Amino acid sequence: MTTLDLVPGVITTRQAVADAYGGSVFSGGIVPAKKSSMVFVYSDPAVGEKFGYTFDGQAEDDEFGTLYLYTGAGGAGDQEIARGNKTLLETATNGHEVHLFVADSKVPGKKEVRQRYIGRVVLDPIEPYEVRWSPVSSGAARRIIVFRLRPAEGEELALEAQDALKPAAQTSVIELSLEQKLAKLPAQSGTKGKKTEQHSTPETTANVAGGIRTVRRREGQLVKAFESHLEEAGHSFKSFQITIEGEPGALTPDVYDETDHVLYEAKGLTTRNNVRMAIGQLADYRRHLHDVEKLRVAVLLPSEPTPDVRDLLAAQRIALVYRTEDGFDGFPLPATIQ
């Protein structure tokens, strides 16, 4: 077996990796190497651009540190948790190492692409992947699975400036139907029966980027409960994916009540800072949605806020809906927001 020392930053090829550790050279971007208990992930943002999306790359750091987004396998139709995508997701529980490479340059005189080794990564234990949507013909959209990769414990990834997420070429809004919004995919954590944003417990403890972090899942609980409330009231609802020209990533509002033409932004904690954040998010979202002059906006909270926070929302002409023991106070919204 050929020797290859995987040091972050080293330039190599898929053939050299396969010769040293096993796995196929021509099996897509997610390559399992059973004899070495490794999974190799080959990211090539230029390939995504050919399909109309730019989901691969280093995202902005969050409270857990470095985050690299990687688009799953499947060039046509909705992507599923199958084949390579299933292989990658299962590394959250089977202990197989995941090694990330990014396409670097062509090998002189060949079609082969050099690969720059970024380092050993793990799936984000709270949200291993997120669902995005890519436009196709006739105004439809197909589901894209975007994996969320973090540095493995003790690792420092060799990411460079060009590895950042590419900005969108144009501003676009994709309407997500109820069926798309509620599309069922396998559990997004390593714990059987749990799904991201729909956890049955208010908080989850996970080892994220160097330590035990407590991550509250209250917002997901709140959104799920409110959607059930909307269904019981006979309201139809959906959401949107908004991409902005010149910016990476996408914006996704929490809930759009199609029946009452109301856009909701939910927060898991009833604090002034959370409400102020929701106000800013709603102002940002609504500029890009249809019939904006008639669109009403509301903040969805897990409990009643203080009187002054209520006054703050009223001053911004933003409705308030909050959860109570027997339902949601403030719903349905009045005909006009005073």
C-alpha atoms as a PDB file:
ATOM      1  CA  MET A   1       0.000   0.000   0.000  1.00  0.00           C
ATOM      2  CA  THR A   2       1.301   3.443  -0.936  1.00  0.00           C
ATOM      3  CA  THR A   3       2.070   5.766   1.975  1.00  0.00           C
ATOM      4  CA  LEU A   4       0.347   9.155   2.156  1.00  0.00           C
ATOM      5  CA  ASP A   5       0.560  11.333   5.229  1.00  0.00           C
ATOM      6  CA  LEU A   6      -2.660  13.323   5.542  1.00  0.00           C
ATOM      7  CA  VAL A   7      -1.411  16.665   6.808  1.00  0.00           C
ATOM      8  CA  PRO A   8      -3.815  19.623   6.469  1.00  0.00           C
ATOM      9  CA  GLY A   9      -2.791  21.734   3.505  1.00  0.00           C
ATOM     10  CA  VAL A  10      -1.096  18.964   1.529  1.00  0.00           C
ATOM     11  CA  ILE A  11      -1.916  18.777  -2.184  1.00  0.00           C
ATOM     12  CA  THR A  12      -2.677  15.303  -3.492  1.00  0.00           C
ATOM     13  CA  THR A  13      -5.022  13.449  -5.845  1.00  0.00           C
ATOM     14  CA  ARG A  14      -7.961  11.104  -5.416  1.00  0.00           C
ATOM     15  CA  GLN A  15      -5.853   8.328  -6.930  1.00  0.00           C
ATOM     16  CA  ALA A  16      -3.110   8.826  -4.345  1.00  0.00           C
ATOM     17  CA  VAL A  17      -5.674   8.773  -1.526  1.00  0.00           C
ATOM     18  CA  ALA A  18      -7.250   5.585  -2.888  1.00  0.00           C
ATOM     19  CA  ASP A  19      -3.842   3.918  -3.277  1.00  0.00           C
ATOM     20  CA  ALA A  20      -2.964   4.719   0.338  1.00  0.00           C
ATOM     21  CA  TYR A  21      -6.277   4.190   2.154  1.00  0.00           C
ATOM     22  CA  GLY A  22      -8.668   2.444  -0.229  1.00  0.00           C
ATOM     23  CA  GLY A  23     -11.936   3.579  -1.732  1.00  0.00           C
ATOM     24  CA  SER A  24     -12.916   4.330  -5.300  1.00  0.00           C
ATOM     25  CA  VAL A  25     -11.529   7.078  -7.511  1.00  0.00           C
ATOM     26  CA  PHE A  26     -14.710   7.497  -9.567  1.00  0.00           C
ATOM     27  CA  SER A  27     -17.610   7.142  -7.098  1.00  0.00           C
ATOM     28  CA  GLY A  28     -18.737  10.733  -6.578  1.00  0.00           C
ATOM     29  CA  GLY A  29     -17.855  13.198  -3.873  1.00  0.00           C
ATOM     30  CA  ILE A  30     -18.441  10.940  -0.851  1.00  0.00           C
ATOM     31  CA  VAL A  31     -16.047   7.985  -0.915  1.00  0.00           C
ATOM     32  CA  PRO A  32     -16.021   5.292   1.782  1.00  0.00           C
ATOM     33  CA  ALA A  33     -12.812   3.358   2.343  1.00  0.00           C
ATOM     34  CA  LYS A  34     -13.922   0.308   4.291  1.00  0.00           C
ATOM     35  CA  LYS A  35     -10.489  -1.192   4.882  1.00  0.00           C
ATOM     36  CA  SER A  36      -9.342   1.958   6.693  1.00  0.00           C
ATOM     37  CA  SER A  37     -12.729   2.895   8.286  1.00  0.00           C
ATOM     38  CA  MET A  38     -12.556   6.303   6.655  1.00  0.00           C
ATOM     39  CA  VAL A  39     -14.882   8.398   4.525  1.00  0.00           C
ATOM     40  CA  PHE A  40     -13.376  10.917   2.111  1.00  0.00           C
ATOM     41  CA  VAL A  41     -15.405  13.981   1.165  1.00  0.00           C
ATOM     42  CA  TYR A  42     -14.357  15.821  -1.997  1.00  0.00           C
ATOM     43  CA  SER A  43     -15.807  19.314  -2.260  1.00  0.00           C
ATOM     44  CA  ASP A  44     -15.817  21.143  -5.585  1.00  0.00           C
ATOM     45  CA  PRO A  45     -17.893  24.367  -5.493  1.00  0.00           C
ATOM     46  CA  ALA A  46     -17.469  24.820  -9.248  1.00  0.00           C
ATOM     47  CA  VAL A  47     -19.541  21.673  -9.845  1.00  0.00           C
ATOM     48  CA  GLY A  48     -22.421  23.113  -7.808  1.00  0.00           C
ATOM     49  CA  GLU A  49     -22.377  26.306  -9.863  1.00  0.00           C
ATOM     50  CA  LYS A  50     -23.068  24.234 -12.995  1.00  0.00           C
ATOM     51  CA  PHE A  51     -26.269  23.026 -11.325  1.00  0.00           C
ATOM     52  CA  GLY A  52     -27.291  26.554 -10.296  1.00  0.00           C
ATOM     53  CA  TYR A  53     -26.335  26.661  -6.607  1.00  0.00           C
ATOM     54  CA  THR A  54     -23.343  27.636  -4.484  1.00  0.00           C
ATOM     55  CA  PHE A  55     -23.864  25.751  -1.240  1.00  0.00           C
ATOM     56  CA  ASP A  56     -20.295  24.418  -0.777  1.00  0.00           C
ATOM     57  CA  GLY A  57     -17.743  26.371   1.225  1.00  0.00           C
ATOM     58  CA  GLN A  58     -16.731  27.790   4.569  1.00  0.00           C
ATOM     59  CA  ALA A  59     -19.675  29.541   6.194  1.00  0.00           C
ATOM     60  CA  GLU A  60     -19.370  32.407   8.626  1.00  0.00           C
ATOM     61  CA  ASP A  61     -18.184  31.200  12.027  1.00  0.00           C
ATOM     62  CA  ASP A  62     -20.909  30.828  14.621  1.00  0.00           C
ATOM     63  CA  GLU A  63     -20.833  30.350  18.380  1.00  0.00           C
ATOM     64  CA  PHE A  64     -19.386  26.867  17.862  1.00  0.00           C
ATOM     65  CA  GLY A  65     -16.536  27.991  15.618  1.00  0.00           C
ATOM     66  CA  THR A  66     -15.583  26.848  12.131  1.00  0.00           C
ATOM     67  CA  LEU A  67     -18.313  25.505   9.838  1.00  0.00           C
ATOM     68  CA  TYR A  68     -17.909  24.054   6.346  1.00  0.00           C
ATOM     69  CA  LEU A  69     -20.983  23.324   4.227  1.00  0.00           C
ATOM     70  CA  TYR A  70     -20.938  20.429   1.777  1.00  0.00           C
ATOM     71  CA  THR A  71     -23.623  19.640  -0.795  1.00  0.00           C
ATOM     72  CA  GLY A  72     -24.741  16.021  -0.782  1.00  0.00           C
ATOM     73  CA  ALA A  73     -24.896  13.634  -3.724  1.00  0.00           C
ATOM     74  CA  GLY A  74     -27.602  13.636  -6.396  1.00  0.00           C
ATOM     75  CA  GLY A  75     -27.543  15.690  -9.578  1.00  0.00           C
ATOM     76  CA  ALA A  76     -31.217  15.337 -10.523  1.00  0.00           C
ATOM     77  CA  GLY A  77     -34.448  15.214  -8.554  1.00  0.00           C
ATOM     78  CA  ASP A  78     -34.758  15.579  -4.793  1.00  0.00           C
ATOM     79  CA  GLN A  79     -31.666  14.454  -2.930  1.00  0.00           C
ATOM     80  CA  GLU A  80     -32.250  11.618  -0.475  1.00  0.00           C
ATOM     81  CA  ILE A  81     -30.438  10.108   2.482  1.00  0.00           C
ATOM     82  CA  ALA A  82     -29.193   7.181   0.428  1.00  0.00           C
ATOM     83  CA  ARG A  83     -25.911   5.868  -0.967  1.00  0.00           C
ATOM     84  CA  GLY A  84     -23.141   8.423  -0.337  1.00  0.00           C
ATOM     85  CA  ASN A  85     -25.375  10.738   1.703  1.00  0.00           C
ATOM     86  CA  LYS A  86     -26.335   7.835   3.955  1.00  0.00           C
ATOM     87  CA  THR A  87     -22.693   6.839   4.280  1.00  0.00           C
ATOM     88  CA  LEU A  88     -21.732  10.310   5.450  1.00  0.00           C
ATOM     89  CA  LEU A  89     -24.650  10.657   7.855  1.00  0.00           C
ATOM     90  CA  GLU A  90     -23.852   7.296   9.457  1.00  0.00           C
ATOM     91  CA  THR A  91     -20.389   8.511  10.483  1.00  0.00           C
ATOM     92  CA  ALA A  92     -22.149  10.323  13.335  1.00  0.00           C
ATOM     93  CA  THR A  93     -22.695   6.938  14.994  1.00  0.00           C
ATOM     94  CA  ASN A  94     -20.296   4.377  13.503  1.00  0.00           C
ATOM     95  CA  GLY A  95     -17.034   6.078  14.455  1.00  0.00           C
ATOM     96  CA  HIS A  96     -15.599   6.252  10.927  1.00  0.00           C
ATOM     97  CA  GLU A  97     -13.253   9.165  10.346  1.00  0.00           C
ATOM     98  CA  VAL A  98     -14.285  11.822   7.811  1.00  0.00           C
ATOM     99  CA  HIS A  99     -11.584  13.619   5.832  1.00  0.00           C
ATOM    100  CA  LEU A 100     -12.359  16.736   3.811  1.00  0.00           C
ATOM    101  CA  PHE A 101     -10.685  17.739   0.541  1.00  0.00           C
ATOM    102  CA  VAL A 102     -11.343  20.736  -1.721  1.00  0.00           C
ATOM    103  CA  ALA A 103     -10.680  20.772  -5.467  1.00  0.00           C
ATOM    104  CA  ASP A 104      -7.528  22.785  -6.062  1.00  0.00           C
ATOM    105  CA  SER A 105      -6.309  22.735  -9.667  1.00  0.00           C
ATOM    106  CA  LYS A 106      -5.934  20.521 -12.714  1.00  0.00           C
ATOM    107  CA  VAL A 107      -3.041  18.085 -12.991  1.00  0.00           C
ATOM    108  CA  PRO A 108      -0.957  19.388 -15.949  1.00  0.00           C
ATOM    109  CA  GLY A 109      -1.862  17.606 -19.155  1.00  0.00           C
ATOM    110  CA  LYS A 110      -4.681  15.592 -17.562  1.00  0.00           C
ATOM    111  CA  LYS A 111      -8.353  15.921 -16.669  1.00  0.00           C
ATOM    112  CA  GLU A 112      -7.543  14.855 -13.117  1.00  0.00           C
ATOM    113  CA  VAL A 113      -8.053  17.481 -10.405  1.00  0.00           C
ATOM    114  CA  ARG A 114      -5.622  18.038  -7.559  1.00  0.00           C
ATOM    115  CA  GLN A 115      -7.148  17.868  -4.097  1.00  0.00           C
ATOM    116  CA  ARG A 116      -6.123  20.071  -1.179  1.00  0.00           C
ATOM    117  CA  TYR A 117      -6.526  18.278   2.130  1.00  0.00           C
ATOM    118  CA  ILE A 118      -8.447  20.446   4.606  1.00  0.00           C
ATOM    119  CA  GLY A 119      -8.424  18.151   7.617  1.00  0.00           C
ATOM    120  CA  ARG A 120     -10.448  15.670   9.631  1.00  0.00           C
ATOM    121  CA  VAL A 121     -14.027  16.761  10.249  1.00  0.00           C
ATOM    122  CA  VAL A 122     -17.188  15.556  11.961  1.00  0.00           C
ATOM    123  CA  LEU A 123     -20.847  16.202  11.319  1.00  0.00           C
ATOM    124  CA  ASP A 124     -22.355  18.897  13.496  1.00  0.00           C
ATOM    125  CA  PRO A 125     -23.982  16.794  16.249  1.00  0.00           C
ATOM    126  CA  ILE A 126     -26.946  19.130  16.673  1.00  0.00           C
ATOM    127  CA  GLU A 127     -27.738  19.782  13.003  1.00  0.00           C
ATOM    128  CA  PRO A 128     -25.760  17.394  10.771  1.00  0.00           C
ATOM    129  CA  TYR A 129     -27.392  18.785   7.655  1.00  0.00           C
ATOM    130  CA  GLU A 130     -29.824  21.419   6.497  1.00  0.00           C
ATOM    131  CA  VAL A 131     -32.245  21.283   3.591  1.00  0.00           C
ATOM    132  CA  ARG A 132     -31.922  23.830   0.804  1.00  0.00           C
ATOM    133  CA  TRP A 133     -33.806  24.143  -2.481  1.00  0.00           C
ATOM    134  CA  SER A 134     -32.443  24.651  -5.967  1.00  0.00           C
ATOM    135  CA  PRO A 135     -34.648  26.043  -8.759  1.00  0.00           C
ATOM    136  CA  VAL A 136     -35.359  23.857 -11.770  1.00  0.00           C
ATOM    137  CA  SER A 137     -37.524  24.413 -14.844  1.00  0.00           C
ATOM    138  CA  SER A 138     -41.143  25.592 -14.702  1.00  0.00           C
ATOM    139  CA  GLY A 139     -40.720  27.345 -11.369  1.00  0.00           C
ATOM    140  CA  ALA A 140     -40.235  24.108  -9.456  1.00  0.00           C
ATOM    141  CA  ALA A 141     -37.442  23.415  -6.970  1.00  0.00           C
ATOM    142  CA  ARG A 142     -35.576  20.306  -5.952  1.00  0.00           C
ATOM    143  CA  ARG A 143     -34.374  19.405  -2.475  1.00  0.00           C
ATOM    144  CA  ILE A 144     -30.664  19.712  -1.738  1.00  0.00           C
ATOM    145  CA  ILE A 145     -29.037  18.191   1.357  1.00  0.00           C
ATOM    146  CA  VAL A 146     -26.265  20.408   2.701  1.00  0.00           C
ATOM    147  CA  PHE A 147     -24.065  18.736   5.310  1.00  0.00           C
ATOM    148  CA  ARG A 148     -22.630  20.819   8.153  1.00  0.00           C
ATOM    149  CA  LEU A 149     -19.027  19.861   8.903  1.00  0.00           C
ATOM    150  CA  ARG A 150     -17.017  20.881  11.975  1.00  0.00           C
ATOM    151  CA  PRO A 151     -13.341  20.321  12.809  1.00  0.00           C
ATOM    152  CA  ALA A 152     -12.810  17.011  14.608  1.00  0.00           C
ATOM    153  CA  GLU A 153     -11.639  17.345  18.202  1.00  0.00           C
ATOM    154  CA  GLY A 154      -8.104  18.750  18.299  1.00  0.00           C
ATOM    155  CA  GLU A 155      -8.091  19.541  14.559  1.00  0.00           C
ATOM    156  CA  GLU A 156      -7.406  22.890  12.901  1.00  0.00           C
ATOM    157  CA  LEU A 157      -8.669  22.977   9.336  1.00  0.00           C
ATOM    158  CA  ALA A 158      -6.411  24.332   6.589  1.00  0.00           C
ATOM    159  CA  LEU A 159      -9.043  26.567   5.032  1.00  0.00           C
ATOM    160  CA  GLU A 160      -8.028  29.451   2.775  1.00  0.00           C
ATOM    161  CA  ALA A 161      -9.749  32.650   1.708  1.00  0.00           C
ATOM    162  CA  GLN A 162     -10.974  31.112  -1.558  1.00  0.00           C
ATOM    163  CA  ASP A 163     -12.782  28.386   0.386  1.00  0.00           C
ATOM    164  CA  ALA A 164     -15.439  30.811   1.634  1.00  0.00           C
ATOM    165  CA  LEU A 165     -19.008  30.345   0.435  1.00  0.00           C
ATOM    166  CA  LYS A 166     -19.532  32.003  -2.938  1.00  0.00           C
ATOM    167  CA  PRO A 167     -22.091  34.837  -3.109  1.00  0.00           C
ATOM    168  CA  ALA A 168     -25.341  34.308  -4.983  1.00  0.00           C
ATOM    169  CA  ALA A 169     -25.418  35.591  -8.555  1.00  0.00           C
ATOM    170  CA  GLN A 170     -28.897  37.046  -8.166  1.00  0.00           C
ATOM    171  CA  THR A 171     -31.671  37.595  -5.647  1.00  0.00           C
ATOM    172  CA  SER A 172     -34.371  34.945  -5.788  1.00  0.00           C
ATOM    173  CA  VAL A 173     -37.286  33.713  -3.706  1.00  0.00           C
ATOM    174  CA  ILE A 174     -38.387  30.087  -3.810  1.00  0.00           C
ATOM    175  CA  GLU A 175     -41.796  29.385  -2.327  1.00  0.00           C
ATOM    176  CA  LEU A 176     -41.816  26.163  -0.327  1.00  0.00           C
ATOM    177  CA  SER A 177     -45.090  24.287  -0.306  1.00  0.00           C
ATOM    178  CA  LEU A 178     -46.476  22.657   2.805  1.00  0.00           C
ATOM    179  CA  GLU A 179     -45.348  19.298   1.455  1.00  0.00           C
ATOM    180  CA  GLN A 180     -41.828  20.595   0.890  1.00  0.00           C
ATOM    181  CA  LYS A 181     -41.661  22.327   4.252  1.00  0.00           C
ATOM    182  CA  LEU A 182     -42.779  19.182   6.085  1.00  0.00           C
ATOM    183  CA  ALA A 183     -40.842  16.721   3.924  1.00  0.00           C
ATOM    184  CA  LYS A 184     -39.642  13.923   6.172  1.00  0.00           C
ATOM    185  CA  LEU A 185     -35.969  13.044   6.214  1.00  0.00           C
ATOM    186  CA  PRO A 186     -34.138  10.771   8.664  1.00  0.00           C
ATOM    187  CA  ALA A 187     -33.251  12.009  12.137  1.00  0.00           C
ATOM    188  CA  GLN A 188     -30.643  14.770  11.963  1.00  0.00           C
ATOM    189  CA  SER A 189     -28.844  13.778  15.140  1.00  0.00           C
ATOM    190  CA  GLY A 190     -27.096  10.636  16.222  1.00  0.00           C
ATOM    191  CA  THR A 191     -29.984   9.839  18.572  1.00  0.00           C
ATOM    192  CA  LYS A 192     -32.706   7.644  17.147  1.00  0.00           C
ATOM    193  CA  GLY A 193     -36.095   9.301  16.874  1.00  0.00           C
ATOM    194  CA  LYS A 194     -34.912  12.904  17.034  1.00  0.00           C
ATOM    195  CA  LYS A 195     -35.122  15.447  14.239  1.00  0.00           C
ATOM    196  CA  THR A 196     -33.511  18.854  14.140  1.00  0.00           C
ATOM    197  CA  GLU A 197     -35.900  21.679  15.159  1.00  0.00           C
ATOM    198  CA  GLN A 198     -38.424  19.097  16.349  1.00  0.00           C
ATOM    199  CA  HIS A 199     -36.740  17.671  19.438  1.00  0.00           C
ATOM    200  CA  SER A 200     -39.024  16.516  22.214  1.00  0.00           C
ATOM    201  CA  THR A 201     -36.776  17.946  24.912  1.00  0.00           C
ATOM    202  CA  PRO A 202     -36.095  21.666  25.414  1.00  0.00           C
ATOM    203  CA  GLU A 203     -32.337  21.357  25.216  1.00  0.00           C
ATOM    204  CA  THR A 204     -29.669  19.034  23.914  1.00  0.00           C
ATOM    205  CA  THR A 205     -26.113  18.564  25.131  1.00  0.00           C
ATOM    206  CA  ALA A 206     -23.517  17.826  22.484  1.00  0.00           C
ATOM    207  CA  ASN A 207     -19.763  17.880  22.016  1.00  0.00           C
ATOM    208  CA  VAL A 208     -19.307  20.701  19.509  1.00  0.00           C
ATOM    209  CA  ALA A 209     -15.936  22.084  18.442  1.00  0.00           C
ATOM    210  CA  GLY A 210     -13.939  21.472  21.568  1.00  0.00           C
ATOM    211  CA  GLY A 211     -16.296  21.001  24.458  1.00  0.00           C
ATOM    212  CA  ILE A 212     -19.679  20.169  25.871  1.00  0.00           C
ATOM    213  CA  ARG A 213     -22.212  22.792  24.839  1.00  0.00           C
ATOM    214  CA  THR A 214     -25.827  23.035  25.859  1.00  0.00           C
ATOM    215  CA  VAL A 215     -27.934  23.969  22.873  1.00  0.00           C
ATOM    216  CA  ARG A 216     -31.525  24.979  23.391  1.00  0.00           C
ATOM    217  CA  ARG A 217     -34.070  23.588  20.991  1.00  0.00           C
ATOM    218  CA  ARG A 218     -37.030  25.618  22.239  1.00  0.00           C
ATOM    219  CA  GLU A 219     -37.492  27.496  18.985  1.00  0.00           C
ATOM    220  CA  GLY A 220     -37.975  24.270  17.031  1.00  0.00           C
ATOM    221  CA  GLN A 221     -40.487  23.021  19.575  1.00  0.00           C
ATOM    222  CA  LEU A 222     -42.380  26.291  19.392  1.00  0.00           C
ATOM    223  CA  VAL A 223     -42.539  26.308  15.579  1.00  0.00           C
ATOM    224  CA  LYS A 224     -43.756  22.719  15.460  1.00  0.00           C
ATOM    225  CA  ALA A 225     -46.481  23.383  18.035  1.00  0.00           C
ATOM    226  CA  PHE A 226     -47.622  26.525  16.227  1.00  0.00           C
ATOM    227  CA  GLU A 227     -47.777  24.752  12.869  1.00  0.00           C
ATOM    228  CA  SER A 228     -50.002  22.103  14.466  1.00  0.00           C
ATOM    229  CA  HIS A 229     -52.154  24.924  15.841  1.00  0.00           C
ATOM    230  CA  LEU A 230     -52.431  26.445  12.355  1.00  0.00           C
ATOM    231  CA  GLU A 231     -53.481  23.105  10.894  1.00  0.00           C
ATOM    232  CA  GLU A 232     -56.163  22.642  13.547  1.00  0.00           C
ATOM    233  CA  ALA A 233     -57.452  26.142  12.732  1.00  0.00           C
ATOM    234  CA  GLY A 234     -57.723  25.220   9.051  1.00  0.00           C
ATOM    235  CA  HIS A 235     -54.917  27.529   7.957  1.00  0.00           C
ATOM    236  CA  SER A 236     -52.445  26.620   5.226  1.00  0.00           C
ATOM    237  CA  PHE A 237     -48.821  27.549   5.759  1.00  0.00           C
ATOM    238  CA  LYS A 238     -45.427  27.279   4.110  1.00  0.00           C
ATOM    239  CA  SER A 239     -42.065  29.030   4.072  1.00  0.00           C
ATOM    240  CA  PHE A 240     -39.542  30.540   1.656  1.00  0.00           C
ATOM    241  CA  GLN A 241     -35.896  30.303   0.747  1.00  0.00           C
ATOM    242  CA  ILE A 242     -34.458  33.724  -0.069  1.00  0.00           C
ATOM    243  CA  THR A 243     -31.042  34.084  -1.685  1.00  0.00           C
ATOM    244  CA  ILE A 244     -29.507  37.543  -2.009  1.00  0.00           C
ATOM    245  CA  GLU A 245     -27.349  38.735  -4.878  1.00  0.00           C
ATOM    246  CA  GLY A 246     -23.747  39.168  -3.771  1.00  0.00           C
ATOM    247  CA  GLU A 247     -24.219  37.255  -0.507  1.00  0.00           C
ATOM    248  CA  PRO A 248     -23.586  33.612   0.390  1.00  0.00           C
ATOM    249  CA  GLY A 249     -26.124  31.324   2.004  1.00  0.00           C
ATOM    250  CA  ALA A 250     -29.868  31.760   2.177  1.00  0.00           C
ATOM    251  CA  LEU A 251     -32.546  33.239   4.423  1.00  0.00           C
ATOM    252  CA  THR A 252     -35.420  31.039   5.581  1.00  0.00           C
ATOM    253  CA  PRO A 253     -38.311  32.609   7.544  1.00  0.00           C
ATOM    254  CA  ASP A 254     -39.905  30.373  10.158  1.00  0.00           C
ATOM    255  CA  VAL A 255     -43.581  30.265   9.154  1.00  0.00           C
ATOM    256  CA  TYR A 256     -45.743  31.976   6.540  1.00  0.00           C
ATOM    257  CA  ASP A 257     -49.491  31.693   7.244  1.00  0.00           C
ATOM    258  CA  GLU A 258     -50.852  31.658   3.712  1.00  0.00           C
ATOM    259  CA  THR A 259     -54.457  31.927   4.868  1.00  0.00           C
ATOM    260  CA  ASP A 260     -53.993  35.203   6.750  1.00  0.00           C
ATOM    261  CA  HIS A 261     -50.933  36.454   4.789  1.00  0.00           C
ATOM    262  CA  VAL A 262     -48.800  36.689   7.935  1.00  0.00           C
ATOM    263  CA  LEU A 263     -45.078  36.067   8.233  1.00  0.00           C
ATOM    264  CA  TYR A 264     -43.939  34.788  11.651  1.00  0.00           C
ATOM    265  CA  GLU A 265     -40.481  34.844  13.183  1.00  0.00           C
ATOM    266  CA  ALA A 266     -40.137  32.570  16.204  1.00  0.00           C
ATOM    267  CA  LYS A 267     -37.724  32.884  19.102  1.00  0.00           C
ATOM    268  CA  GLY A 268     -37.019  30.248  21.699  1.00  0.00           C
ATOM    269  CA  LEU A 269     -36.535  32.727  24.524  1.00  0.00           C
ATOM    270  CA  THR A 270     -38.720  35.652  25.539  1.00  0.00           C
ATOM    271  CA  THR A 271     -36.020  38.272  26.032  1.00  0.00           C
ATOM    272  CA  ARG A 272     -35.607  41.792  24.709  1.00  0.00           C
ATOM    273  CA  ASN A 273     -32.535  40.839  22.675  1.00  0.00           C
ATOM    274  CA  ASN A 274     -34.358  37.939  21.031  1.00  0.00           C
ATOM    275  CA  VAL A 275     -37.327  40.141  20.171  1.00  0.00           C
ATOM    276  CA  ARG A 276     -35.064  42.847  18.772  1.00  0.00           C
ATOM    277  CA  MET A 277     -33.393  40.220  16.582  1.00  0.00           C
ATOM    278  CA  ALA A 278     -36.795  39.024  15.365  1.00  0.00           C
ATOM    279  CA  ILE A 279     -37.801  42.589  14.460  1.00  0.00           C
ATOM    280  CA  GLY A 280     -34.691  42.957  12.312  1.00  0.00           C
ATOM    281  CA  GLN A 281     -35.202  39.586  10.638  1.00  0.00           C
ATOM    282  CA  LEU A 282     -38.810  40.369   9.744  1.00  0.00           C
ATOM    283  CA  ALA A 283     -37.805  43.733   8.283  1.00  0.00           C
ATOM    284  CA  ASP A 284     -35.198  41.960   6.166  1.00  0.00           C
ATOM    285  CA  TYR A 285     -37.449  39.127   4.966  1.00  0.00           C
ATOM    286  CA  ARG A 286     -40.496  41.157   4.043  1.00  0.00           C
ATOM    287  CA  ARG A 287     -38.653  43.326   1.508  1.00  0.00           C
ATOM    288  CA  HIS A 288     -38.226  40.291  -0.719  1.00  0.00           C
ATOM    289  CA  LEU A 289     -41.727  38.796  -0.531  1.00  0.00           C
ATOM    290  CA  HIS A 290     -44.747  39.360  -2.751  1.00  0.00           C
ATOM    291  CA  ASP A 291     -47.573  41.744  -1.929  1.00  0.00           C
ATOM    292  CA  VAL A 292     -45.362  43.353   0.692  1.00  0.00           C
ATOM    293  CA  GLU A 293     -47.705  46.272   1.360  1.00  0.00           C
ATOM    294  CA  LYS A 294     -50.431  43.913   2.566  1.00  0.00           C
ATOM    295  CA  LEU A 295     -48.124  41.415   4.282  1.00  0.00           C
ATOM    296  CA  ARG A 296     -48.477  41.365   8.042  1.00  0.00           C
ATOM    297  CA  VAL A 297     -45.644  40.283  10.314  1.00  0.00           C
ATOM    298  CA  ALA A 298     -45.621  38.792  13.782  1.00  0.00           C
ATOM    299  CA  VAL A 299     -43.208  37.575  16.434  1.00  0.00           C
ATOM    300  CA  LEU A 300     -43.893  34.151  17.936  1.00  0.00           C
ATOM    301  CA  LEU A 301     -42.675  33.645  21.520  1.00  0.00           C
ATOM    302  CA  PRO A 302     -42.811  30.806  24.075  1.00  0.00           C
ATOM    303  CA  SER A 303     -44.300  33.041  26.783  1.00  0.00           C
ATOM    304  CA  GLU A 304     -45.662  36.523  27.382  1.00  0.00           C
ATOM    305  CA  PRO A 305     -42.993  39.267  27.262  1.00  0.00           C
ATOM    306  CA  THR A 306     -42.750  42.305  29.518  1.00  0.00           C
ATOM    307  CA  PRO A 307     -45.100  45.248  28.914  1.00  0.00           C
ATOM    308  CA  ASP A 308     -42.316  47.352  27.435  1.00  0.00           C
ATOM    309  CA  VAL A 309     -41.380  44.649  24.930  1.00  0.00           C
ATOM    310  CA  ARG A 310     -45.053  44.472  23.947  1.00  0.00           C
ATOM    311  CA  ASP A 311     -44.979  48.236  23.454  1.00  0.00           C
ATOM    312  CA  LEU A 312     -41.825  47.916  21.344  1.00  0.00           C
ATOM    313  CA  LEU A 313     -43.562  45.484  18.989  1.00  0.00           C
ATOM    314  CA  ALA A 314     -46.681  47.635  18.814  1.00  0.00           C
ATOM    315  CA  ALA A 315     -44.565  50.688  17.943  1.00  0.00           C
ATOM    316  CA  GLN A 316     -43.113  48.737  15.019  1.00  0.00           C
ATOM    317  CA  ARG A 317     -46.589  47.566  13.954  1.00  0.00           C
ATOM    318  CA  ILE A 318     -45.573  43.958  14.531  1.00  0.00           C
ATOM    319  CA  ALA A 319     -48.102  41.547  15.999  1.00  0.00           C
ATOM    320  CA  LEU A 320     -47.336  39.353  19.003  1.00  0.00           C
ATOM    321  CA  VAL A 321     -48.355  35.734  19.433  1.00  0.00           C
ATOM    322  CA  TYR A 322     -47.149  33.746  22.433  1.00  0.00           C
ATOM    323  CA  ARG A 323     -47.723  30.277  23.768  1.00  0.00           C
ATOM    324  CA  THR A 324     -49.996  29.664  26.745  1.00  0.00           C
ATOM    325  CA  GLU A 325     -50.989  26.535  28.627  1.00  0.00           C
ATOM    326  CA  ASP A 326     -53.967  25.952  26.354  1.00  0.00           C
ATOM    327  CA  GLY A 327     -52.889  27.426  23.018  1.00  0.00           C
ATOM    328  CA  PHE A 328     -51.548  30.668  21.577  1.00  0.00           C
ATOM    329  CA  ASP A 329     -52.564  34.118  22.755  1.00  0.00           C
ATOM    330  CA  GLY A 330     -52.861  36.711  19.999  1.00  0.00           C
ATOM    331  CA  PHE A 331     -53.956  34.197  17.349  1.00  0.00           C
ATOM    332  CA  PRO A 332     -55.724  34.717  15.071  1.00  0.00           C
ATOM    333  CA  LEU A 333     -54.379  38.181  14.405  1.00  0.00           C
ATOM    334  CA  PRO A 334     -56.840  41.068  14.467  1.00  0.00           C
ATOM    335  CA  ALA A 335     -57.852  42.583  11.120  1.00  0.00           C
ATOM    336  CA  THR A 336     -55.504  45.510  11.745  1.00  0.00           C
ATOM    337  CA  ILE A 337     -52.464  45.841  13.973  1.00  0.00           C
ATOM    338  CA  GLN A 338     -52.763  48.868  16.211  1.00  0.00           C
END
